[in-house]
Protein backbone atom coordinates (compact mmCIF):
# COMPACT_ATOMS: atom_id res chain seq x y z
CA UNK A 1 60.16 106.32 -51.54
CA UNK A 2 56.95 108.09 -49.74
CA UNK A 3 53.26 106.68 -50.57
CA UNK A 4 52.45 109.95 -52.14
CA UNK A 5 55.54 109.70 -54.65
CA UNK A 6 54.64 105.96 -55.31
CA UNK A 7 50.95 107.01 -56.09
CA UNK A 8 51.73 110.14 -58.71
CA UNK A 9 54.38 107.65 -60.11
CA UNK A 10 51.68 104.90 -60.36
CA UNK A 11 49.04 107.39 -62.26
CA UNK A 12 51.53 108.90 -64.36
CA UNK A 13 52.45 105.39 -65.59
CA UNK A 14 48.83 104.28 -66.24
CA UNK A 15 48.10 107.61 -67.84
CA UNK A 16 51.23 107.00 -70.26
CA UNK A 17 50.09 103.55 -70.93
CA UNK A 18 53.30 101.97 -69.40
CA UNK A 19 50.46 100.09 -66.93
CA UNK A 20 47.54 98.67 -68.80
CA UNK A 21 44.16 99.94 -67.79
CA UNK A 22 40.94 100.84 -68.83
CA UNK A 23 39.69 104.29 -69.75
CA UNK A 24 37.62 104.99 -66.45
CA UNK A 25 40.98 103.86 -64.56
CA UNK A 26 42.93 106.54 -66.25
CA UNK A 27 40.07 108.82 -65.21
CA UNK A 28 40.55 108.03 -61.77
CA UNK A 29 44.56 108.71 -61.69
CA UNK A 30 43.96 111.80 -63.62
CA UNK A 31 41.65 113.06 -60.87
CA UNK A 32 44.21 112.18 -58.05
CA UNK A 33 46.82 113.86 -59.66
CA UNK A 34 44.50 117.14 -60.12
CA UNK A 35 43.54 117.25 -56.58
CA UNK A 36 47.11 116.86 -55.56
CA UNK A 37 47.97 119.64 -57.36
CA UNK A 38 44.97 121.62 -56.50
CA UNK A 39 44.90 120.53 -52.72
CA UNK A 40 44.40 122.80 -49.87
CA UNK A 41 42.96 125.83 -51.83
CA UNK A 42 39.75 127.74 -51.19
CA UNK A 43 38.42 125.84 -54.26
CA UNK A 44 39.79 122.34 -53.16
CA UNK A 45 40.11 122.44 -49.38
CA UNK A 46 41.15 118.65 -49.01
CA UNK A 47 44.55 117.98 -48.07
CA UNK A 48 46.14 114.81 -48.49
CA UNK A 49 47.72 113.25 -45.85
CA UNK A 50 50.21 110.28 -46.25
CA UNK A 51 50.04 109.11 -42.37
CA UNK A 52 46.81 108.48 -42.18
CA UNK A 53 46.74 106.42 -45.50
CA UNK A 54 49.95 104.48 -44.75
CA UNK A 55 47.49 103.80 -41.10
CA UNK A 56 45.29 101.75 -43.12
CA UNK A 57 47.71 99.76 -45.04
CA UNK A 58 49.45 99.08 -41.97
CA UNK A 59 46.21 97.81 -40.76
CA UNK A 60 46.01 95.42 -43.93
CA UNK A 61 49.61 94.35 -43.07
CA UNK A 62 48.67 92.52 -39.98
CA UNK A 63 46.69 89.97 -41.22
CA UNK A 64 47.60 86.91 -43.46
CA UNK A 65 46.07 86.00 -46.70
CA UNK A 66 43.87 82.86 -46.34
CA UNK A 67 43.49 81.74 -49.69
CA UNK A 68 45.57 81.38 -53.19
CA UNK A 69 49.29 81.30 -54.08
CA UNK A 70 50.18 83.24 -50.94
CA UNK A 71 47.88 81.64 -48.39
CA UNK A 72 49.37 81.87 -44.71
CA UNK A 73 51.61 85.27 -45.73
CA UNK A 74 51.16 88.20 -44.35
CA UNK A 75 49.34 90.86 -46.94
CA UNK A 76 51.09 93.29 -48.63
CA UNK A 77 48.94 95.46 -50.42
CA UNK A 78 49.13 95.58 -54.39
CA UNK A 79 49.19 98.65 -55.94
CA UNK A 80 46.04 99.01 -56.56
CA UNK A 81 44.53 98.50 -53.08
CA UNK A 82 47.35 101.58 -52.20
CA UNK A 83 45.78 103.70 -54.60
CA UNK A 84 42.49 102.86 -53.52
CA UNK A 85 42.26 102.72 -50.03
CA UNK A 86 45.25 105.29 -50.18
CA UNK A 87 42.99 107.67 -51.32
CA UNK A 88 39.95 106.73 -49.37
CA UNK A 89 41.49 107.04 -45.99
CA UNK A 90 44.48 109.74 -47.11
CA UNK A 91 42.23 112.63 -48.21
CA UNK A 92 40.99 114.91 -45.53
CA UNK A 93 39.16 118.26 -44.74
CA UNK A 94 41.95 121.01 -43.92
CA UNK A 95 39.70 122.79 -41.82
CA UNK A 96 37.54 120.08 -39.95
CA UNK A 97 40.14 117.24 -40.22
CA UNK A 98 37.31 114.76 -41.17
CA UNK A 99 37.97 112.76 -44.04
CA UNK A 100 36.96 113.52 -47.71
CA UNK A 101 35.45 110.46 -48.76
CA UNK A 102 32.02 109.61 -47.55
CA UNK A 103 31.52 106.78 -50.16
CA UNK A 104 33.50 104.48 -52.24
CA UNK A 105 32.66 102.66 -55.25
CA UNK A 106 35.24 99.97 -56.50
CA UNK A 107 34.35 97.95 -59.68
CA UNK A 108 36.81 95.14 -60.47
CA UNK A 109 36.82 91.48 -61.46
CA UNK A 110 36.42 88.67 -59.43
CA UNK A 111 39.20 86.78 -57.21
CA UNK A 112 41.08 90.53 -56.96
CA UNK A 113 40.99 90.71 -53.09
CA UNK A 114 37.29 92.28 -53.07
CA UNK A 115 36.29 90.31 -49.50
CA UNK A 116 39.61 90.65 -48.29
CA UNK A 117 39.56 94.33 -48.72
CA UNK A 118 36.35 94.79 -47.51
CA UNK A 119 36.97 92.64 -44.60
CA UNK A 120 39.97 95.05 -43.88
CA UNK A 121 37.91 98.02 -44.63
CA UNK A 122 35.29 96.77 -41.48
CA UNK A 123 37.48 95.54 -39.16
CA UNK A 124 39.37 99.01 -39.52
CA UNK A 125 36.06 101.30 -39.32
CA UNK A 126 35.48 99.07 -35.99
CA UNK A 127 38.78 98.49 -33.97
CA UNK A 128 40.91 101.34 -35.52
CA UNK A 129 39.35 104.45 -36.78
CA UNK A 130 38.95 105.65 -33.53
CA UNK A 131 35.53 106.95 -33.82
CA UNK A 132 34.13 104.85 -30.70
CA UNK A 133 31.02 102.95 -30.50
CA UNK A 134 31.12 102.38 -34.12
CA UNK A 135 28.49 100.37 -35.73
CA UNK A 136 29.92 98.35 -38.98
CA UNK A 137 27.88 96.39 -41.15
CA UNK A 138 27.95 94.42 -43.97
CA UNK A 139 25.01 94.29 -46.25
CA UNK A 140 23.24 92.10 -49.15
CA UNK A 141 19.75 91.56 -50.09
CA UNK A 142 20.44 87.69 -48.90
CA UNK A 143 21.67 86.72 -45.46
CA UNK A 144 24.36 84.15 -46.86
CA UNK A 145 25.70 86.57 -49.35
CA UNK A 146 25.75 89.48 -46.56
CA UNK A 147 27.73 87.13 -44.25
CA UNK A 148 30.64 86.46 -46.56
CA UNK A 149 32.62 89.52 -45.85
CA UNK A 150 31.41 89.16 -42.17
CA UNK A 151 33.27 85.48 -41.99
CA UNK A 152 35.87 86.69 -43.65
CA UNK A 153 36.63 89.56 -41.30
CA UNK A 154 36.20 86.98 -38.43
CA UNK A 155 38.44 84.70 -39.97
CA UNK A 156 41.52 87.59 -40.34
CA UNK A 157 40.61 88.56 -36.77
CA UNK A 158 41.19 85.37 -35.60
CA UNK A 159 44.22 84.55 -37.58
CA UNK A 160 45.97 87.55 -36.41
CA UNK A 161 48.00 87.44 -32.84
CA UNK A 162 48.69 91.09 -32.46
CA UNK A 163 44.54 91.65 -32.10
CA UNK A 164 44.18 88.72 -29.50
CA UNK A 165 42.05 89.75 -26.63
CA UNK A 166 40.99 92.62 -28.20
CA UNK A 167 37.80 91.70 -29.68
CA UNK A 168 34.62 89.21 -28.77
CA UNK A 169 32.58 87.18 -31.33
CA UNK A 170 29.17 86.27 -30.21
CA UNK A 171 25.96 86.09 -31.14
CA UNK A 172 26.57 86.73 -34.99
CA UNK A 173 28.24 90.03 -34.07
CA UNK A 174 31.89 91.03 -33.93
CA UNK A 175 32.58 92.96 -31.16
CA UNK A 176 35.48 95.61 -29.98
CA UNK A 177 36.14 95.32 -26.27
CA UNK A 178 37.49 98.79 -25.78
CA UNK A 179 35.00 100.85 -27.47
CA UNK A 180 31.58 98.70 -27.85
CA UNK A 181 31.95 98.77 -31.34
CA UNK A 182 29.98 96.31 -33.02
CA UNK A 183 30.12 94.34 -36.37
CA UNK A 184 27.35 92.95 -38.03
CA UNK A 185 25.73 91.33 -41.02
CA UNK A 186 22.36 92.72 -42.18
CA UNK A 187 20.38 91.66 -45.06
CA UNK A 188 16.83 92.16 -46.86
CA UNK A 189 15.54 88.99 -45.17
CA UNK A 190 16.16 90.79 -41.87
CA UNK A 191 13.40 92.98 -42.76
CA UNK A 192 15.38 96.00 -41.19
CA UNK A 193 13.75 99.50 -41.95
CA UNK A 194 16.61 101.39 -40.62
CA UNK A 195 15.69 102.63 -37.60
CA UNK A 196 17.83 102.17 -34.53
CA UNK A 197 20.94 101.66 -36.83
CA UNK A 198 23.65 104.38 -36.56
CA UNK A 199 26.08 102.85 -38.99
CA UNK A 200 29.58 104.54 -38.68
CA UNK A 201 30.76 101.89 -41.93
CA UNK A 202 28.87 99.85 -44.22
CA UNK A 203 30.37 97.51 -46.59
CA UNK A 204 28.44 96.33 -49.58
CA UNK A 205 29.77 93.45 -51.47
CA UNK A 206 28.50 92.55 -55.02
CA UNK A 207 26.20 95.50 -55.46
CA UNK A 208 25.32 94.55 -58.90
CA UNK A 209 23.35 91.88 -57.37
CA UNK A 210 20.66 93.95 -55.64
CA UNK A 211 17.23 94.21 -57.60
CA UNK A 212 16.76 97.61 -55.59
CA UNK A 213 18.52 100.38 -53.69
CA UNK A 214 16.71 99.29 -50.29
CA UNK A 215 20.02 98.42 -48.29
CA UNK A 216 22.05 100.62 -49.76
CA UNK A 217 19.22 103.57 -48.34
CA UNK A 218 19.23 101.99 -44.83
CA UNK A 219 22.58 102.30 -44.55
CA UNK A 220 22.98 105.81 -46.20
CA UNK A 221 20.20 107.20 -44.33
CA UNK A 222 21.34 105.71 -40.65
CA UNK A 223 24.48 107.76 -41.19
CA UNK A 224 23.60 111.15 -40.94
CA UNK A 225 24.82 111.92 -37.39
CA UNK A 226 28.15 110.51 -38.15
CA UNK A 227 30.98 113.01 -38.75
CA UNK A 228 32.98 111.02 -40.98
CA UNK A 229 30.92 107.38 -42.17
CA UNK A 230 31.88 105.12 -45.01
CA UNK A 231 29.69 103.22 -47.59
CA UNK A 232 32.04 101.17 -49.46
CA UNK A 233 30.97 99.13 -52.46
CA UNK A 234 33.03 96.60 -54.60
CA UNK A 235 31.22 94.86 -56.86
CA UNK A 236 31.98 93.42 -60.45
CA UNK A 237 29.65 94.21 -63.54
CA UNK A 238 26.52 92.42 -63.49
CA UNK A 239 23.57 91.29 -66.30
CA UNK A 240 20.82 93.18 -65.24
CA UNK A 241 20.95 96.92 -66.64
CA UNK A 242 17.54 97.84 -64.81
CA UNK A 243 19.10 97.09 -61.16
CA UNK A 244 20.53 99.98 -59.12
CA UNK A 245 24.11 99.20 -59.77
CA UNK A 246 24.18 100.07 -63.08
CA UNK A 247 21.02 102.58 -63.53
CA UNK A 248 21.62 104.62 -60.91
CA UNK A 249 25.17 103.79 -59.16
CA UNK A 250 27.35 103.12 -62.39
CA UNK A 251 26.00 105.74 -64.36
CA UNK A 252 26.75 108.45 -61.75
CA UNK A 253 30.40 107.38 -61.37
CA UNK A 254 31.09 107.47 -64.69
CA UNK A 255 29.91 111.28 -64.86
CA UNK A 256 31.68 111.65 -61.64
CA UNK A 257 34.90 110.34 -63.49
CA UNK A 258 34.64 111.72 -66.74
CA UNK A 259 36.69 114.99 -67.25
CA UNK A 260 34.53 116.32 -70.03
CA UNK A 261 31.49 116.26 -67.57
CA UNK A 262 31.13 119.15 -65.39
CA UNK A 263 29.56 117.11 -62.69
CA UNK A 264 31.57 117.01 -59.57
CA UNK A 265 31.43 115.55 -56.25
CA UNK A 266 34.35 115.95 -54.02
CA UNK A 267 33.11 113.43 -51.48
CA UNK A 268 32.73 110.10 -53.80
CA UNK A 269 35.78 107.69 -54.47
CA UNK A 270 35.63 106.11 -57.50
CA UNK A 271 37.38 103.36 -59.13
CA UNK A 272 36.66 101.15 -62.04
CA UNK A 273 38.47 98.16 -63.57
CA UNK A 274 36.89 96.83 -66.49
CA UNK A 275 37.74 96.16 -70.52
CA UNK A 276 37.07 98.83 -72.38
CA UNK A 277 34.07 98.60 -74.81
CA UNK A 278 36.17 97.96 -78.24
CA UNK A 279 38.43 95.23 -76.65
CA UNK A 280 38.64 91.56 -77.94
CA UNK A 281 37.78 89.63 -74.57
CA UNK A 282 40.46 87.00 -76.49
CA UNK A 283 43.09 89.67 -76.27
CA UNK A 284 45.13 88.39 -73.03
CA UNK A 285 46.72 91.89 -72.89
CA UNK A 286 43.48 93.51 -71.80
CA UNK A 287 42.77 91.36 -69.22
CA UNK A 288 44.74 92.94 -66.64
CA UNK A 289 41.87 96.01 -67.24
CA UNK A 290 39.53 94.13 -65.59
CA UNK A 291 41.83 92.27 -62.90
CA UNK A 292 44.86 94.24 -61.74
CA UNK A 293 45.69 91.58 -59.18
CA UNK A 294 45.00 88.21 -60.66
CA UNK A 295 47.07 89.35 -63.96
CA UNK A 296 50.29 89.80 -61.61
CA UNK A 297 50.94 86.56 -61.15
CA UNK A 298 51.21 83.44 -63.60
CA UNK A 299 48.60 81.79 -62.04
CA UNK A 300 45.96 83.90 -62.13
CA UNK A 301 46.24 84.69 -65.62
CA UNK A 302 45.90 80.97 -66.58
CA UNK A 303 42.90 80.91 -64.40
CA UNK A 304 41.47 83.71 -66.57
CA UNK A 305 42.50 81.89 -69.52
CA UNK A 306 40.82 78.86 -68.35
CA UNK A 307 37.43 80.44 -67.58
CA UNK A 308 37.60 81.84 -71.11
CA UNK A 309 37.85 78.50 -72.71
CA UNK A 310 34.85 77.12 -70.85
CA UNK A 311 32.96 79.70 -72.07
CA UNK A 312 33.81 79.48 -75.23
CA UNK A 313 32.87 76.02 -75.68
CA UNK A 314 29.41 76.51 -73.45
CA UNK A 315 27.90 80.18 -74.25
CA UNK A 316 25.85 79.72 -71.11
CA UNK A 317 29.18 80.54 -69.29
CA UNK A 318 29.48 83.59 -71.14
CA UNK A 319 27.53 85.96 -68.98
CA UNK A 320 29.82 85.35 -66.17
CA UNK A 321 33.04 85.14 -67.91
CA UNK A 322 31.88 88.66 -69.05
CA UNK A 323 30.85 90.14 -65.88
CA UNK A 324 32.48 88.36 -63.43
CA UNK A 325 35.88 88.24 -64.94
CA UNK A 326 36.32 90.75 -67.49
CA UNK A 327 33.49 93.19 -65.84
CA UNK A 328 31.84 94.14 -68.57
CA UNK A 329 28.08 95.15 -68.23
CA UNK A 330 25.86 92.89 -70.13
CA UNK A 331 21.79 92.99 -70.09
CA UNK A 332 21.19 89.14 -69.99
CA UNK A 333 19.21 87.77 -67.18
CA UNK A 334 19.93 85.05 -64.83
CA UNK A 335 19.50 81.72 -67.23
CA UNK A 336 18.46 84.52 -69.89
CA UNK A 337 18.60 83.42 -73.37
CA UNK A 338 20.42 86.05 -75.21
CA UNK A 339 23.10 88.95 -74.72
CA UNK A 340 21.18 91.57 -75.65
CA UNK A 341 24.20 93.58 -77.29
CA UNK A 342 24.71 90.87 -79.90
CA UNK A 343 20.76 91.17 -80.64
CA UNK A 344 21.07 94.54 -81.16
CA UNK A 345 24.34 94.41 -83.45
CA UNK A 346 22.09 91.92 -85.74
CA UNK A 347 19.43 95.15 -86.51
CA UNK A 348 19.54 97.37 -89.21
CA UNK A 349 16.47 99.10 -91.33
CA UNK A 350 16.97 97.09 -94.43
CA UNK A 351 14.00 97.56 -97.16
CA UNK A 352 11.54 94.86 -97.27
CA UNK A 353 11.93 94.70 -100.85
CA UNK A 354 14.87 92.30 -100.61
CA UNK A 355 12.25 89.84 -99.21
CA UNK A 356 10.11 89.91 -102.33
CA UNK A 357 9.09 87.14 -104.14
CA UNK A 358 11.63 84.71 -101.57
CA UNK A 359 10.31 81.84 -99.59
CA UNK A 360 9.88 81.82 -95.82
CA UNK A 361 8.81 79.68 -92.97
CA UNK A 362 5.67 81.28 -91.02
CA UNK A 363 5.99 80.89 -87.19
CA UNK A 364 2.94 82.08 -84.94
CA UNK A 365 2.64 82.29 -81.08
CA UNK A 366 -0.88 81.82 -80.09
CA UNK A 367 -0.27 81.50 -76.12
CA UNK A 368 -3.32 83.15 -75.03
CA UNK A 369 -6.06 85.36 -76.69
CA UNK A 370 -5.84 87.96 -73.62
CA UNK A 371 -1.37 88.96 -73.87
CA UNK A 372 0.27 88.97 -77.11
CA UNK A 373 -0.25 86.73 -80.22
CA UNK A 374 3.00 87.03 -82.76
CA UNK A 375 3.39 85.99 -86.39
CA UNK A 376 6.82 85.53 -87.31
CA UNK A 377 8.61 85.54 -91.14
CA UNK A 378 11.96 83.74 -91.70
CA UNK A 379 13.82 84.08 -94.78
CA UNK A 380 17.23 82.49 -95.53
CA UNK A 381 19.15 84.60 -98.31
CA UNK A 382 22.71 84.11 -99.57
CA UNK A 383 23.53 82.58 -96.03
CA UNK A 384 22.00 84.96 -93.65
CA UNK A 385 18.69 84.87 -91.77
CA UNK A 386 15.88 87.79 -91.96
CA UNK A 387 13.13 87.69 -89.66
CA UNK A 388 9.79 89.98 -89.48
CA UNK A 389 7.52 89.82 -86.30
CA UNK A 390 4.22 91.66 -86.06
CA UNK A 391 2.17 91.12 -82.36
CA UNK A 392 -1.22 91.67 -81.63
CA UNK A 393 -3.33 92.60 -78.62
CA UNK A 394 -6.99 92.86 -77.46
CA UNK A 395 -7.68 96.68 -77.75
CA UNK A 396 -9.75 96.54 -74.73
CA UNK A 397 -6.53 95.18 -72.46
CA UNK A 398 -3.93 97.64 -73.73
CA UNK A 399 -4.41 100.29 -70.81
CA UNK A 400 -4.29 96.96 -68.59
CA UNK A 401 -1.09 95.58 -70.09
CA UNK A 402 0.68 98.99 -70.39
CA UNK A 403 0.02 99.19 -66.29
CA UNK A 404 0.99 95.34 -65.12
CA UNK A 405 4.08 94.85 -67.86
CA UNK A 406 5.24 98.50 -67.84
CA UNK A 407 6.23 98.71 -71.17
CA UNK A 408 4.70 101.13 -73.95
CA UNK A 409 2.46 99.12 -75.84
CA UNK A 410 0.58 102.38 -76.73
CA UNK A 411 3.79 103.87 -78.79
CA UNK A 412 4.42 100.51 -80.42
CA UNK A 413 0.68 100.40 -81.63
CA UNK A 414 1.28 103.85 -82.91
CA UNK A 415 4.71 102.68 -84.31
CA UNK A 416 2.99 100.12 -86.49
CA UNK A 417 4.58 96.92 -84.48
CA UNK A 418 1.15 95.95 -82.75
CA UNK A 419 -2.19 95.53 -84.19
CA UNK A 420 -5.30 95.68 -82.04
CA UNK A 421 -7.71 93.74 -82.40
CA UNK A 422 -11.60 94.48 -80.98
CA UNK A 423 -12.84 93.60 -77.72
CA UNK A 424 -10.85 91.47 -74.59
CA UNK A 425 -9.36 89.09 -76.60
CA UNK A 426 -7.35 88.27 -79.59
CA UNK A 427 -9.51 87.76 -82.61
CA UNK A 428 -7.58 85.51 -84.77
CA UNK A 429 -9.36 86.44 -87.64
CA UNK A 430 -7.06 89.32 -87.67
CA UNK A 431 -4.05 87.05 -87.53
CA UNK A 432 -5.53 85.24 -90.50
CA UNK A 433 -5.33 88.40 -92.49
CA UNK A 434 -2.06 89.33 -91.74
CA UNK A 435 -0.62 86.39 -92.80
CA UNK A 436 -2.83 86.63 -96.18
CA UNK A 437 -2.15 90.40 -96.49
CA UNK A 438 1.62 90.39 -95.97
CA UNK A 439 2.08 87.50 -98.72
CA UNK A 440 0.08 89.27 -101.15
CA UNK A 441 1.68 92.45 -101.02
CA UNK A 442 5.00 91.57 -100.88
CA UNK A 443 4.89 88.62 -102.73
CA UNK A 444 6.16 86.47 -99.91
CA UNK A 445 6.21 82.47 -100.56
CA UNK A 446 5.36 80.85 -97.47
CA UNK A 447 6.34 77.08 -97.68
CA UNK A 448 5.32 76.05 -93.88
CA UNK A 449 3.19 77.53 -91.32
CA UNK A 450 4.24 76.48 -88.06
CA UNK A 451 2.22 76.89 -84.46
CA UNK A 452 1.66 74.91 -81.88
CA UNK A 453 -1.94 73.06 -82.56
CA UNK A 454 -2.47 72.89 -78.38
CA UNK A 455 -5.68 74.99 -78.23
CA UNK A 456 -5.32 75.87 -81.63
CA UNK A 457 -7.24 73.25 -83.82
CA UNK A 458 -9.81 75.92 -85.56
CA UNK A 459 -6.85 78.35 -86.50
CA UNK A 460 -5.10 75.65 -87.99
CA UNK A 461 -7.68 74.09 -89.60
CA UNK A 462 -8.78 77.15 -91.33
CA UNK A 463 -5.02 77.91 -92.79
CA UNK A 464 -4.96 74.42 -94.01
CA UNK A 465 -7.85 75.22 -95.72
CA UNK A 466 -6.85 78.30 -97.54
CA UNK A 467 -3.94 76.63 -98.84
CA UNK A 468 -1.08 76.78 -96.08
CA UNK A 469 1.17 73.76 -95.43
CA UNK A 470 0.52 73.73 -91.58
CA UNK A 471 3.17 71.83 -89.04
CA UNK A 472 2.86 71.23 -85.33
CA UNK A 473 5.53 72.20 -83.43
CA UNK A 474 5.69 70.40 -79.96
CA UNK A 475 6.33 72.52 -77.56
CA UNK A 476 9.40 70.26 -75.56
CA UNK A 477 12.63 70.15 -75.59
CA UNK A 478 12.74 66.90 -77.99
CA UNK A 479 11.65 69.73 -80.83
CA UNK A 480 12.74 73.30 -79.51
CA UNK A 481 16.28 72.60 -77.90
CA UNK A 482 18.41 71.96 -80.77
CA UNK A 483 16.45 75.17 -83.01
CA UNK A 484 16.69 76.97 -80.10
CA UNK A 485 20.53 76.62 -79.61
CA UNK A 486 21.14 77.01 -83.11
CA UNK A 487 19.02 80.31 -83.57
CA UNK A 488 21.09 81.81 -80.85
CA UNK A 489 24.57 80.61 -82.62
CA UNK A 490 23.41 82.08 -85.94
CA UNK A 491 22.63 85.81 -84.03
CA UNK A 492 26.40 85.25 -82.30
CA UNK A 493 27.91 84.72 -85.54
CA UNK A 494 26.24 87.53 -87.02
CA UNK A 495 24.37 85.72 -89.25
CA UNK A 496 20.67 87.16 -88.56
CA UNK A 497 19.30 90.32 -89.90
CA UNK A 498 16.30 91.82 -88.30
CA UNK A 499 14.35 95.39 -88.48
CA UNK A 500 15.11 97.05 -84.95
CA UNK A 501 11.44 95.82 -83.56
CA UNK A 502 11.37 96.93 -80.51
CA UNK A 503 8.51 94.59 -79.45
CA UNK A 504 10.93 91.56 -80.10
CA UNK A 505 13.89 92.80 -78.48
CA UNK A 506 12.07 93.24 -75.60
CA UNK A 507 10.91 89.79 -75.63
CA UNK A 508 14.17 88.78 -76.41
CA UNK A 509 15.85 90.48 -73.17
CA UNK A 510 12.80 88.26 -71.06
CA UNK A 511 13.12 85.41 -72.26
CA UNK A 512 14.84 82.39 -69.73
CA UNK A 513 15.71 79.09 -70.62
CA UNK A 514 15.95 75.43 -69.20
CA UNK A 515 18.19 73.42 -69.45
CA UNK A 516 18.68 69.66 -70.70
CA UNK A 517 21.51 67.32 -69.33
CA UNK A 518 23.03 67.36 -72.70
CA UNK A 519 23.49 71.44 -72.64
CA UNK A 520 20.68 71.95 -75.14
CA UNK A 521 17.81 74.43 -73.87
CA UNK A 522 14.36 75.65 -74.71
CA UNK A 523 12.87 78.87 -74.12
CA UNK A 524 11.06 78.60 -70.36
CA UNK A 525 7.62 79.94 -70.30
CA UNK A 526 6.84 79.58 -66.79
CA UNK A 527 9.93 81.45 -65.55
CA UNK A 528 9.60 84.35 -68.24
CA UNK A 529 8.12 86.96 -66.05
CA UNK A 530 7.46 89.07 -68.98
CA UNK A 531 6.22 88.00 -72.30
CA UNK A 532 8.07 86.37 -74.81
CA UNK A 533 5.58 85.50 -77.50
CA UNK A 534 7.53 87.37 -80.18
CA UNK A 535 10.66 85.43 -80.03
CA UNK A 536 8.53 82.02 -79.52
CA UNK A 537 7.09 82.67 -82.62
CA UNK A 538 10.28 83.25 -84.63
CA UNK A 539 11.61 80.14 -82.60
CA UNK A 540 8.62 78.04 -84.13
CA UNK A 541 9.67 79.15 -87.64
CA UNK A 542 13.16 78.18 -87.02
CA UNK A 543 12.44 75.00 -86.07
CA UNK A 544 11.41 73.93 -89.59
CA UNK A 545 13.72 76.42 -91.16
CA UNK A 546 16.95 74.56 -89.81
CA UNK A 547 15.17 71.30 -91.09
CA UNK A 548 14.48 72.57 -94.35
CA UNK A 549 17.79 73.74 -95.00
CA UNK A 550 19.49 70.79 -93.99
CA UNK A 551 17.19 68.49 -96.55
CA UNK A 552 17.95 71.11 -99.24
CA UNK A 553 21.69 70.41 -98.84
CA UNK A 554 21.40 66.71 -98.58
CA UNK A 555 19.14 66.95 -101.72
CA UNK A 556 21.59 68.73 -104.02
CA UNK A 557 24.08 66.18 -102.65
CA UNK A 558 22.00 63.47 -104.37
CA UNK A 559 21.63 61.68 -100.77
CA UNK A 560 18.07 60.28 -99.69
CA UNK A 561 15.73 62.43 -97.75
CA UNK A 562 16.10 62.55 -94.12
CA UNK A 563 12.36 62.52 -93.29
């Protein structure tokens, strides 16, 4: 069967549902079929040259698998590799004969031959494309990461007898002896500006980890003099949606693939293998959407099964399972406290009147008079926790904080989520007045007021004098560990209701944790680069809400108090 027919039949099987695939994968296959139907026309001046595609696939077949169940065997490209690289190398302009795609993006789960594929691309662009004096760069922000694909290429070349004597490895470079082409690892740590670089090919592995597009831009800007360069990106999904892989690239490639979007870019190849938004991660049938190669053999499926079991047992591992295994983007930073998508699902515009006359625990975070101070109310009603939060900021610091924190504090003030207090420090009199006025206005019944008394003795003394039962919440693992973990569990189980407070959501997204050996954890203010005071106030309240609830259960059973 010819490669063209094979790719057409593959695309049709994907679209019919015979091959399990995600929506973007289906869109990529439909794009290929449309291109085949329109090739060589004035509107679409590109043609698919099967020989060009096969030439690259034959190059892949020269090398051996270095890991896994196929270790030692020559590579036979999987159908997904045939589709991806058949497209990249098969399409050319009908007049210039230069290749069509100058950029390519493949998002796929871990262990789906990403480094192997990039190594084949890098060595082909170095030795087999025929451009002459090529420069191929493996790029990353860290030197160690940049060398992963370079070292994979080195090992594959050294293990290929057909290429013996055709290259030299010295001083951290692979050099093709016939043409003088070189392959090098390039990282942000090398502090390259791009001056003097003339890349034929740039390979970017795990682009989701790049905090900026700096390395991407260095390679892309250096390619202007090349008639048919290639910028090749292979990545899993990531856990910071502010990084350029999601905020720029993923959104762009989604537009390119979407058949209902009028945006067209004929020079950018895209393939995305991910689970869809409404898929259940426990459903093994959907795993192949993100893992077309891994799910093609039993050992691969079993490895995913083990990873899921670990993630379900230890929520700290769930972020990596979602992003690296099933390829789902999440907003959850490294050591981040919570998946914001789960937090957002707990939000609803409930009527505050349902809390009237109810018992509550008040948590206060008085972390610094120059920054946010936050007050939280936590209620337990019919098995669910309801939380409210309000924050305070010194008026004279508003503009400064907008500039440094880069969030719309002024908007949040106008919306009523933040109260400004006069001067350059938070006036705690406003905090006390807020606690008193909300209790009076809505009939809240505060059972306890929880705070860290360090540097806040006057606040505690005054509130005690006003009749509140004040509780010192010591800021350490013994006091905060279990409540912090339990609060997240209640969110993940859907047992929490909040009123979509954007200041609180921002703080939840900022929160970083530090772990204890027994798998408990607490919020780590020293490593949280932005404010976490609102969620810290809620955790202070939850420390006592959970204890009081447990005491109530035991007392109802007629058992002795745990105090």
